[in-house]
Amino acid sequence: MEEADAQTVEENAPVAAFPWLPEGCEAMADGEYDAIVMGTGLKECIMSGLLSTMGKKVLHVDRNNYYGADSASLNLSNLYAKFNGGAEPPQQFYEALGHNRDFNVDLIPKCIMACGKLVKMLLHTKVTRYLEFKSLDASYVYRNGKVYKVPATATEALSSSLLGLFEKRRFRKFLMYVANYEHGNPKTYEGHDLTKETMNELYEKFGLEKATREFVGHAMALRLDDKYLDEPALPAFEAIKLYCYSLDRYGKSPYIYPMYGLGGLPEGFSRLCAIHGGTFMLNRSIDEVLFDKDGKAWGVRGGNQVAKADIVLGDPSYFPNKRTKVGRVVRSICFLSHPIPNTNNAESLQIIIPAAQVGRTHDIYVVMVSNSHQVTAPGKYVAICSTTVETDNPTTELEPALAILGSIMTKFDDVVDLYEPANGDGSQDHCFISTSFDATSHFETTSNDVLDLYFKVTGARLDLTINADSTKGDY
């Protein structure tokens, strides 16, 4: 394995070497860069890794003293401190849960589609060499107060208790069509034009019931709402095909999850950046982004130290005047001493609660992981429930999810604001801003945000033609 540390450079360089420095300021690290990246969340670390492999000189800073930002994995003491004003946990907290070193709890857990875009990014950059993955045991959907395994193969369709006798055959026929369809090969179309036919029309032609359409759209196609039903079918259809393809290739579910938690992902991309000469500065606050008279960013200042770059990129917290609040997310991190009931004792899983099932506008998501992924002590489980806030009582909105978990040992609730960039594509002011992590329990929306950010910064599309099957042996 290739190893490297972040580039180390002399601080307090003489002003004469950097004539652009404001009076009374010193150069931060070695002063001039192609890109400055602020925050070590996953999106920012992917971008710094990608830019560094393009030959860009990158400075990556974070106000925290650890990698990951909002996508970090925390041990018990750090997790307790985060939600209790920095306090040390009482001894009974450890006695109930286990040793501090046995836990790597993700603040924002998201499953990775085994053949999806994030895996292709990992392959494209060879970050897979730094990580180990394992499949989740199952994917479930909620209906009428109960959870059911999502049937994603013709065989599962015939045995699923989620479907009635005649619906099983209709759904089996639909899944066989999904498996055989090849975009660009008219012989597999069977008379359907998915670029014009809506998803509702496709469902109608296969005779699928409303309840079936609900779990297919939300738990397989991973649509965030039902607008897709009246849109051309191809994008949702290809998402369903990806779900089935990933499940077929990787076993019990279409999802994989990093061993030791998601914190390894930003660390892996940070290592990639360091190998290509990137400079990292943790525990470094940024007081302001610096702009020229035309309103274009040219650098950043932290204290009396300044760094210069044509590209300034970061998460919304570093751009308070260039972000727009678009909502809130509520999450509950729940510790259990047992698997979630009625899931065949699964050690890891995802559950999606379609919004219509509980009278909501937004779906509710549950991810549960355990010692099987080395994120908890043996015999302990952590289930994180999340949704987009719709009322003035956010934590009560997770009650349908909490009700299916069984007995909860302890939990930590968090309500955070969601932000999007308010400065367009960043071309005018050279500020490139990621969006906040949404409530979803998968990386599909996150991957799309990274690809969009990459295009805004570079003007090119990231090549994702690589075959995700090539990592199968890794997990």
Protein backbone atom coordinates (compact mmCIF):
# COMPACT_ATOMS: atom_id res chain seq x y z
CA MET A 1 0.00 0.00 0.00
CA GLU A 2 1.25 3.43 -0.91
CA GLU A 3 1.79 5.66 2.12
CA ALA A 4 2.38 9.39 2.46
CA ASP A 5 1.85 12.20 4.91
CA ALA A 6 0.42 15.60 4.06
CA GLN A 7 3.01 17.97 2.71
CA THR A 8 4.80 19.86 5.49
CA VAL A 9 5.90 23.42 4.75
CA GLU A 10 7.41 26.29 6.68
CA GLU A 11 4.98 28.64 8.44
CA ASN A 12 5.47 32.41 8.70
CA ALA A 13 7.07 32.79 5.29
CA PRO A 14 8.50 36.28 4.66
CA VAL A 15 6.07 38.80 3.19
CA ALA A 16 8.56 39.60 0.43
CA ALA A 17 7.96 36.14 -1.01
CA PHE A 18 4.22 36.85 -1.31
CA PRO A 19 3.60 40.47 -2.38
CA TRP A 20 -0.18 39.87 -2.41
CA LEU A 21 -0.31 39.47 1.41
CA PRO A 22 -2.37 42.13 3.26
CA GLU A 23 -0.42 44.30 5.68
CA GLY A 24 0.33 42.54 8.96
CA CYS A 25 -0.41 39.07 7.61
CA GLU A 26 1.75 36.03 7.05
CA ALA A 27 1.51 33.23 4.49
CA MET A 28 -0.51 30.23 5.61
CA ALA A 29 1.64 27.14 4.88
CA ASP A 30 3.41 27.82 1.56
CA GLY A 31 1.04 30.55 0.51
CA GLU A 32 -0.19 29.96 -3.04
CA TYR A 33 -2.37 27.09 -4.26
CA ASP A 34 -4.62 26.11 -7.13
CA ALA A 35 -7.46 25.24 -4.74
CA ILE A 36 -8.31 25.76 -1.08
CA VAL A 37 -10.81 23.27 0.36
CA MET A 38 -12.51 24.03 3.69
CA GLY A 39 -14.01 21.28 5.82
CA THR A 40 -13.11 17.59 5.78
CA GLY A 41 -16.61 16.23 5.24
CA LEU A 42 -16.92 13.46 2.68
CA LYS A 43 -17.90 15.71 -0.21
CA GLU A 44 -15.01 18.08 0.40
CA CYS A 45 -12.52 15.23 0.81
CA ILE A 46 -13.66 13.61 -2.44
CA MET A 47 -13.16 16.93 -4.21
CA SER A 48 -9.69 17.54 -2.75
CA GLY A 49 -8.70 14.00 -3.72
CA LEU A 50 -10.01 14.40 -7.27
CA LEU A 51 -8.39 17.82 -7.74
CA SER A 52 -5.05 16.61 -6.44
CA THR A 53 -5.04 13.68 -8.89
CA MET A 54 -5.51 16.25 -11.68
CA GLY A 55 -2.23 17.84 -10.63
CA LYS A 56 -3.79 20.72 -8.69
CA LYS A 57 -1.92 22.09 -5.70
CA VAL A 58 -4.43 21.78 -2.84
CA LEU A 59 -4.61 23.25 0.66
CA HIS A 60 -7.23 21.48 2.81
CA VAL A 61 -8.20 23.06 6.15
CA ASP A 62 -10.71 22.18 8.87
CA ARG A 63 -11.70 23.98 12.07
CA ASN A 64 -11.94 20.60 13.82
CA ASN A 65 -9.00 18.52 15.02
CA TYR A 66 -10.32 15.38 13.30
CA TYR A 67 -11.29 14.32 9.79
CA GLY A 68 -14.88 13.87 8.70
CA ALA A 69 -16.74 17.00 9.92
CA ASP A 70 -20.43 16.06 9.85
CA SER A 71 -19.59 12.67 8.30
CA ALA A 72 -17.23 11.65 11.10
CA SER A 73 -17.38 8.41 13.10
CA LEU A 74 -17.13 9.01 16.86
CA ASN A 75 -16.30 6.83 19.85
CA LEU A 76 -18.60 6.82 22.89
CA SER A 77 -16.88 9.63 24.80
CA ASN A 78 -16.78 11.97 21.80
CA LEU A 79 -20.38 11.17 20.90
CA TYR A 80 -21.57 11.86 24.45
CA ALA A 81 -19.56 15.08 24.60
CA LYS A 82 -21.00 16.30 21.29
CA PHE A 83 -24.57 16.07 22.57
CA ASN A 84 -23.87 17.11 26.16
CA GLY A 85 -21.86 20.31 25.88
CA GLY A 86 -18.46 18.63 25.98
CA ALA A 87 -19.16 16.71 29.21
CA GLU A 88 -17.53 13.40 30.08
CA PRO A 89 -19.95 10.44 30.11
CA PRO A 90 -20.77 8.93 33.50
CA GLN A 91 -19.35 5.51 34.33
CA GLN A 92 -22.75 3.83 34.00
CA PHE A 93 -22.85 4.94 30.36
CA TYR A 94 -19.80 2.79 29.63
CA GLU A 95 -21.08 0.00 31.86
CA ALA A 96 -24.26 -0.22 29.81
CA LEU A 97 -22.71 0.00 26.34
CA GLY A 98 -19.12 -1.22 26.54
CA HIS A 99 -15.57 0.01 25.99
CA ASN A 100 -14.97 3.34 24.29
CA ARG A 101 -12.59 1.75 21.77
CA ASP A 102 -15.29 -0.65 20.48
CA PHE A 103 -17.48 2.09 18.99
CA ASN A 104 -17.29 4.08 15.76
CA VAL A 105 -20.71 5.73 15.59
CA ASP A 106 -21.56 7.58 12.39
CA LEU A 107 -23.24 10.95 12.82
CA ILE A 108 -24.82 10.72 9.36
CA PRO A 109 -25.04 7.07 8.30
CA LYS A 110 -25.61 6.36 4.63
CA CYS A 111 -25.55 3.06 2.78
CA ILE A 112 -23.52 2.69 -0.40
CA MET A 113 -25.18 1.16 -3.46
CA ALA A 114 -22.80 -1.66 -4.35
CA CYS A 115 -22.62 -0.82 -8.07
CA GLY A 116 -23.50 2.87 -7.70
CA LYS A 117 -21.77 6.16 -8.35
CA LEU A 118 -19.84 6.42 -5.07
CA VAL A 119 -18.28 2.99 -5.61
CA LYS A 120 -17.23 4.11 -9.09
CA MET A 121 -15.62 7.22 -7.57
CA LEU A 122 -13.76 4.98 -5.11
CA LEU A 123 -12.55 2.84 -8.00
CA HIS A 124 -11.70 5.81 -10.20
CA THR A 125 -9.41 7.18 -7.49
CA LYS A 126 -8.25 3.78 -6.16
CA VAL A 127 -9.32 4.78 -2.64
CA THR A 128 -10.64 1.21 -2.27
CA ARG A 129 -7.08 0.22 -1.35
CA TYR A 130 -7.48 2.02 1.98
CA LEU A 131 -10.91 0.64 2.94
CA GLU A 132 -12.70 -2.61 3.63
CA PHE A 133 -16.41 -3.07 2.97
CA LYS A 134 -19.09 -5.55 3.93
CA SER A 135 -22.62 -5.99 2.62
CA LEU A 136 -25.60 -5.02 4.71
CA ASP A 137 -27.73 -8.02 5.63
CA ALA A 138 -31.02 -6.75 4.22
CA SER A 139 -33.15 -3.91 2.89
CA TYR A 140 -36.65 -3.48 4.34
CA VAL A 141 -39.73 -1.39 3.67
CA TYR A 142 -42.49 -0.37 6.08
CA ARG A 143 -46.16 -1.06 5.41
CA ASN A 144 -49.17 -0.95 7.76
CA GLY A 145 -47.04 -0.82 10.90
CA LYS A 146 -44.77 -3.74 9.96
CA VAL A 147 -41.46 -4.15 8.12
CA TYR A 148 -40.99 -6.44 5.13
CA LYS A 149 -37.90 -7.44 3.20
CA VAL A 150 -37.84 -5.72 -0.19
CA PRO A 151 -38.26 -8.42 -2.87
CA ALA A 152 -35.85 -7.60 -5.67
CA THR A 153 -35.56 -10.89 -7.57
CA ALA A 154 -38.13 -13.01 -9.37
CA THR A 155 -37.70 -15.74 -6.75
CA GLU A 156 -38.18 -13.34 -3.83
CA ALA A 157 -41.26 -11.88 -5.53
CA LEU A 158 -42.98 -15.27 -5.48
CA SER A 159 -42.27 -15.88 -1.78
CA SER A 160 -42.73 -12.35 -0.38
CA SER A 161 -45.52 -11.77 2.15
CA LEU A 162 -45.53 -8.16 0.96
CA LEU A 163 -47.45 -9.18 -2.17
CA GLY A 164 -50.75 -10.92 -2.77
CA LEU A 165 -50.97 -14.12 -4.84
CA PHE A 166 -51.75 -12.52 -8.21
CA GLU A 167 -49.58 -9.47 -7.55
CA LYS A 168 -46.59 -11.76 -7.03
CA ARG A 169 -46.82 -12.97 -10.61
CA ARG A 170 -47.29 -9.47 -12.01
CA PHE A 171 -44.32 -8.15 -10.02
CA ARG A 172 -42.20 -11.14 -11.04
CA LYS A 173 -42.94 -10.34 -14.68
CA PHE A 174 -41.95 -6.69 -14.08
CA LEU A 175 -38.64 -7.73 -12.46
CA MET A 176 -37.86 -10.05 -15.36
CA TYR A 177 -38.41 -7.13 -17.73
CA VAL A 178 -36.07 -4.99 -15.59
CA ALA A 179 -33.40 -7.72 -15.71
CA ASN A 180 -33.60 -8.20 -19.48
CA TYR A 181 -33.86 -4.53 -20.51
CA GLU A 182 -30.77 -2.97 -22.12
CA HIS A 183 -30.90 0.71 -22.96
CA GLY A 184 -29.78 1.11 -26.56
CA ASN A 185 -30.94 -2.38 -27.56
CA PRO A 186 -34.50 -2.06 -28.98
CA LYS A 187 -34.89 -5.85 -29.00
CA THR A 188 -35.25 -5.70 -25.20
CA TYR A 189 -37.80 -2.87 -25.12
CA GLU A 190 -40.90 -5.05 -25.67
CA GLY A 191 -42.69 -2.11 -27.25
CA HIS A 192 -41.95 0.35 -24.41
CA ASP A 193 -40.30 3.72 -25.00
CA LEU A 194 -39.11 4.67 -21.54
CA THR A 195 -37.90 8.09 -22.70
CA LYS A 196 -41.55 9.05 -23.37
CA GLU A 197 -43.66 6.65 -21.33
CA THR A 198 -44.19 7.79 -17.73
CA MET A 199 -43.45 5.51 -14.81
CA ASN A 200 -47.14 5.41 -13.98
CA GLU A 201 -47.91 4.23 -17.50
CA LEU A 202 -45.25 1.53 -17.22
CA TYR A 203 -46.67 0.35 -13.90
CA GLU A 204 -50.15 0.29 -15.47
CA LYS A 205 -49.02 -1.91 -18.35
CA PHE A 206 -47.67 -4.46 -15.87
CA GLY A 207 -50.82 -4.15 -13.75
CA LEU A 208 -48.93 -3.29 -10.55
CA GLU A 209 -51.01 -2.20 -7.57
CA LYS A 210 -50.59 1.16 -5.83
CA ALA A 211 -48.95 -0.44 -2.78
CA THR A 212 -46.39 -2.18 -5.00
CA ARG A 213 -45.62 1.04 -6.83
CA GLU A 214 -45.02 2.69 -3.46
CA PHE A 215 -42.29 0.34 -2.27
CA VAL A 216 -40.73 0.02 -5.74
CA GLY A 217 -40.48 3.81 -6.10
CA HIS A 218 -39.29 4.61 -2.59
CA ALA A 219 -37.33 1.52 -1.48
CA MET A 220 -35.84 0.41 -4.83
CA ALA A 221 -35.75 3.44 -7.15
CA LEU A 222 -35.03 5.59 -4.06
CA ARG A 223 -37.23 8.43 -5.28
CA LEU A 224 -37.71 11.16 -2.68
CA ASP A 225 -41.34 11.84 -3.63
CA ASP A 226 -43.96 10.73 -6.15
CA LYS A 227 -43.27 13.37 -8.81
CA TYR A 228 -41.36 10.71 -10.74
CA LEU A 229 -44.63 8.88 -11.50
CA ASP A 230 -45.61 11.49 -14.08
CA GLU A 231 -42.12 11.92 -15.56
CA PRO A 232 -40.41 9.84 -18.28
CA ALA A 233 -39.78 6.40 -16.82
CA LEU A 234 -36.15 5.88 -17.82
CA PRO A 235 -34.32 7.51 -14.84
CA ALA A 236 -36.41 5.72 -12.18
CA PHE A 237 -36.35 2.50 -14.19
CA GLU A 238 -32.55 2.58 -14.40
CA ALA A 239 -32.41 3.20 -10.62
CA ILE A 240 -34.54 0.08 -10.08
CA LYS A 241 -32.27 -1.85 -12.44
CA LEU A 242 -29.20 -0.66 -10.49
CA TYR A 243 -30.82 -1.81 -7.23
CA CYS A 244 -31.54 -5.27 -8.67
CA TYR A 245 -28.12 -5.49 -10.33
CA SER A 246 -26.32 -4.58 -7.10
CA LEU A 247 -28.33 -7.14 -5.15
CA ASP A 248 -27.66 -9.83 -7.74
CA ARG A 249 -23.92 -9.16 -7.62
CA TYR A 250 -23.41 -8.78 -3.89
CA GLY A 251 -25.83 -11.08 -2.11
CA LYS A 252 -28.12 -10.28 0.78
CA SER A 253 -28.77 -6.63 -0.03
CA PRO A 254 -27.70 -4.12 -2.69
CA TYR A 255 -25.87 -2.04 -0.09
CA ILE A 256 -22.36 -2.12 1.33
CA TYR A 257 -20.96 -0.29 4.35
CA PRO A 258 -17.34 0.42 5.38
CA MET A 259 -15.86 -1.59 8.20
CA TYR A 260 -15.23 0.69 11.22
CA GLY A 261 -17.77 3.25 10.00
CA LEU A 262 -18.12 5.91 7.35
CA GLY A 263 -15.33 8.04 8.83
CA GLY A 264 -12.90 5.94 6.80
CA LEU A 265 -14.25 7.43 3.56
CA PRO A 266 -13.12 11.06 4.08
CA GLU A 267 -9.87 9.76 5.58
CA GLY A 268 -9.27 7.63 2.47
CA PHE A 269 -9.76 10.57 0.10
CA SER A 270 -7.61 12.76 2.37
CA ARG A 271 -4.83 10.21 2.10
CA LEU A 272 -5.21 10.26 -1.68
CA CYS A 273 -4.82 14.05 -1.67
CA ALA A 274 -1.76 13.85 0.59
CA ILE A 275 -0.11 11.28 -1.68
CA HIS A 276 -0.47 13.77 -4.55
CA GLY A 277 1.11 16.61 -2.57
CA GLY A 278 -1.87 18.08 -0.76
CA THR A 279 -1.28 20.16 2.38
CA PHE A 280 -3.60 19.53 5.36
CA MET A 281 -4.18 21.83 8.33
CA LEU A 282 -6.57 20.56 11.02
CA ASN A 283 -7.68 22.67 13.98
CA ARG A 284 -7.41 25.70 11.71
CA SER A 285 -10.26 28.21 11.82
CA ILE A 286 -11.01 30.32 8.77
CA ASP A 287 -12.15 33.82 9.67
CA GLU A 288 -13.03 34.99 6.19
CA VAL A 289 -12.90 34.29 2.49
CA LEU A 290 -11.04 37.13 0.74
CA PHE A 291 -12.45 38.82 -2.37
CA ASP A 292 -11.04 41.25 -4.94
CA LYS A 293 -12.77 44.43 -6.12
CA ASP A 294 -14.77 42.41 -8.68
CA GLY A 295 -16.21 40.15 -6.00
CA LYS A 296 -14.11 37.10 -6.90
CA ALA A 297 -12.58 34.99 -4.15
CA TRP A 298 -8.78 34.90 -4.22
CA GLY A 299 -7.93 33.37 -0.84
CA VAL A 300 -8.78 32.82 2.82
CA ARG A 301 -7.65 34.28 6.13
CA GLY A 302 -7.31 32.57 9.48
CA GLY A 303 -6.06 34.91 12.20
CA ASN A 304 -3.14 36.84 10.68
CA GLN A 305 -2.37 34.09 8.15
CA VAL A 306 -3.51 34.11 4.53
CA ALA A 307 -3.50 31.58 1.69
CA LYS A 308 -4.19 32.34 -1.97
CA ALA A 309 -6.01 30.27 -4.62
CA ASP A 310 -8.23 30.72 -7.68
CA ILE A 311 -10.64 28.05 -6.43
CA VAL A 312 -12.18 28.28 -2.95
CA LEU A 313 -14.37 25.30 -2.06
CA GLY A 314 -16.09 24.20 1.12
CA ASP A 315 -19.20 23.17 3.00
CA PRO A 316 -21.93 25.77 3.68
CA SER A 317 -20.70 26.56 7.21
CA TYR A 318 -17.68 28.34 5.72
CA PHE A 319 -19.86 30.60 3.53
CA PRO A 320 -22.50 32.14 5.86
CA ASN A 321 -23.32 34.90 3.36
CA LYS A 322 -23.52 32.66 0.31
CA ARG A 323 -25.88 29.91 1.48
CA THR A 324 -29.64 29.47 1.60
CA LYS A 325 -31.51 27.52 4.25
CA VAL A 326 -33.79 25.01 2.54
CA GLY A 327 -35.09 23.00 5.49
CA ARG A 328 -34.08 20.93 8.51
CA VAL A 329 -33.25 17.30 9.24
CA VAL A 330 -33.92 15.43 12.48
CA ARG A 331 -31.84 12.38 13.44
CA SER A 332 -31.97 10.06 16.44
CA ILE A 333 -28.96 7.86 17.21
CA CYS A 334 -30.37 4.89 19.14
CA PHE A 335 -28.43 2.20 20.99
CA LEU A 336 -30.03 -1.26 21.22
CA SER A 337 -29.09 -4.52 22.91
CA HIS A 338 -30.86 -6.58 20.22
CA PRO A 339 -31.50 -6.63 16.47
CA ILE A 340 -34.59 -4.77 15.25
CA PRO A 341 -37.61 -7.06 15.75
CA ASN A 342 -39.12 -8.89 12.75
CA THR A 343 -35.95 -8.60 10.63
CA ASN A 344 -34.70 -12.20 10.95
CA ASN A 345 -32.05 -11.06 13.46
CA ALA A 346 -30.27 -9.01 10.80
CA GLU A 347 -26.98 -7.58 12.06
CA SER A 348 -27.18 -4.65 9.63
CA LEU A 349 -29.96 -3.23 7.47
CA GLN A 350 -31.78 -0.28 5.97
CA ILE A 351 -35.48 0.39 6.45
CA ILE A 352 -37.44 2.95 4.42
CA ILE A 353 -40.80 4.16 5.70
CA PRO A 354 -42.66 5.66 2.69
CA ALA A 355 -44.18 9.00 3.60
CA ALA A 356 -47.72 8.01 2.59
CA GLN A 357 -47.64 5.12 5.08
CA VAL A 358 -47.48 7.51 8.04
CA GLY A 359 -49.27 10.57 6.66
CA ARG A 360 -46.18 12.56 5.81
CA THR A 361 -44.64 14.37 2.85
CA HIS A 362 -41.11 13.01 3.35
CA ASP A 363 -39.95 9.42 3.88
CA ILE A 364 -38.39 8.27 7.15
CA TYR A 365 -35.12 6.30 7.04
CA VAL A 366 -33.45 3.83 9.40
CA VAL A 367 -29.92 2.43 9.17
CA MET A 368 -28.79 -0.17 11.69
CA VAL A 369 -25.21 -1.46 12.02
CA SER A 370 -23.44 -3.45 14.69
CA ASN A 371 -20.32 -5.37 15.61
CA SER A 372 -20.52 -7.16 12.24
CA HIS A 373 -19.14 -3.92 10.75
CA GLN A 374 -16.92 -3.25 13.79
CA VAL A 375 -18.82 -0.13 14.80
CA THR A 376 -20.16 -1.35 18.16
CA ALA A 377 -19.20 -3.70 20.96
CA PRO A 378 -20.43 -7.31 20.57
CA GLY A 379 -24.13 -7.62 21.35
CA LYS A 380 -24.83 -3.91 20.81
CA TYR A 381 -26.54 -2.27 17.85
CA VAL A 382 -26.85 1.33 16.74
CA ALA A 383 -29.88 2.40 14.70
CA ILE A 384 -30.04 5.92 13.31
CA CYS A 385 -33.45 7.26 12.27
CA SER A 386 -33.77 10.37 10.10
CA THR A 387 -36.26 12.45 8.17
CA THR A 388 -36.83 15.93 6.79
CA VAL A 389 -38.53 18.13 9.38
CA GLU A 390 -42.16 19.06 8.63
CA THR A 391 -43.48 20.36 11.98
CA ASP A 392 -42.49 22.40 15.03
CA ASN A 393 -41.84 19.17 16.98
CA PRO A 394 -39.09 17.46 14.97
CA THR A 395 -38.28 14.57 17.30
CA THR A 396 -41.91 13.41 17.37
CA GLU A 397 -41.75 12.97 13.60
CA LEU A 398 -39.48 9.95 14.09
CA GLU A 399 -41.97 8.09 16.28
CA PRO A 400 -42.99 5.60 13.53
CA ALA A 401 -39.33 4.60 13.19
CA LEU A 402 -38.63 4.50 16.92
CA ALA A 403 -41.68 2.28 17.44
CA ILE A 404 -40.25 -0.52 15.29
CA LEU A 405 -36.84 -0.58 17.01
CA GLY A 406 -37.97 -2.35 20.17
CA SER A 407 -36.42 -1.39 23.52
CA ILE A 408 -33.97 1.54 23.22
CA MET A 409 -31.11 1.69 25.74
CA THR A 410 -30.28 5.35 25.13
CA LYS A 411 -30.54 7.81 22.26
CA PHE A 412 -29.17 11.14 21.09
CA ASP A 413 -31.41 13.52 19.12
CA ASP A 414 -30.12 16.10 16.66
CA VAL A 415 -31.90 18.72 14.54
CA VAL A 416 -29.78 20.50 11.94
CA ASP A 417 -30.39 23.07 9.24
CA LEU A 418 -30.07 22.16 5.56
CA TYR A 419 -28.25 24.59 3.28
CA GLU A 420 -27.68 24.97 -0.44
CA PRO A 421 -25.37 27.42 -2.23
CA ALA A 422 -27.03 30.75 -3.03
CA ASN A 423 -24.36 31.92 -5.49
CA GLY A 424 -25.30 29.87 -8.54
CA ASP A 425 -22.59 27.69 -10.03
CA GLY A 426 -19.68 29.58 -8.44
CA SER A 427 -18.28 30.79 -11.76
CA GLN A 428 -18.83 34.46 -10.91
CA ASP A 429 -17.27 34.59 -7.44
CA HIS A 430 -14.98 31.48 -7.56
CA CYS A 431 -16.74 30.08 -4.44
CA PHE A 432 -17.82 26.46 -4.84
CA ILE A 433 -20.14 25.29 -2.08
CA SER A 434 -21.46 21.81 -1.35
CA THR A 435 -24.98 21.15 -0.08
CA SER A 436 -25.73 19.85 3.41
CA PHE A 437 -26.27 16.12 3.92
CA ASP A 438 -29.97 15.35 3.50
CA ALA A 439 -32.10 12.89 5.48
CA THR A 440 -31.70 9.96 3.09
CA SER A 441 -30.03 6.78 4.31
CA HIS A 442 -28.11 6.21 1.10
CA PHE A 443 -25.39 7.98 -0.89
CA GLU A 444 -27.27 8.48 -4.17
CA THR A 445 -28.11 12.17 -3.58
CA THR A 446 -24.66 12.80 -2.07
CA SER A 447 -22.97 11.28 -5.13
CA ASN A 448 -25.01 13.51 -7.43
CA ASP A 449 -23.95 16.58 -5.42
CA VAL A 450 -20.26 15.64 -5.73
CA LEU A 451 -20.57 15.09 -9.48
CA ASP A 452 -22.33 18.45 -9.85
CA LEU A 453 -19.66 20.17 -7.77
CA TYR A 454 -16.91 18.54 -9.81
CA PHE A 455 -18.48 19.84 -13.03
CA LYS A 456 -18.82 23.37 -11.64
CA VAL A 457 -15.16 23.46 -10.61
CA THR A 458 -13.58 21.74 -13.62
CA GLY A 459 -16.09 22.24 -16.43
CA ALA A 460 -15.85 18.50 -17.20
CA ARG A 461 -17.86 15.42 -16.26
CA LEU A 462 -16.16 12.85 -14.07
CA ASP A 463 -15.59 9.61 -15.96
CA LEU A 464 -17.67 6.93 -14.24
CA THR A 465 -17.58 4.34 -17.02
CA ILE A 466 -15.50 2.05 -14.80
CA ASN A 467 -17.10 -1.32 -14.02
CA ALA A 468 -18.11 -1.48 -10.33
CA ASP A 469 -17.97 -5.28 -10.45
CA SER A 470 -14.18 -5.07 -10.20
CA THR A 471 -14.41 -4.45 -6.45
CA LYS A 472 -16.60 -7.46 -5.73
CA GLY A 473 -13.75 -9.43 -4.24
CA ASP A 474 -13.00 -6.60 -1.78
CA TYR A 475 -16.26 -7.06 0.10
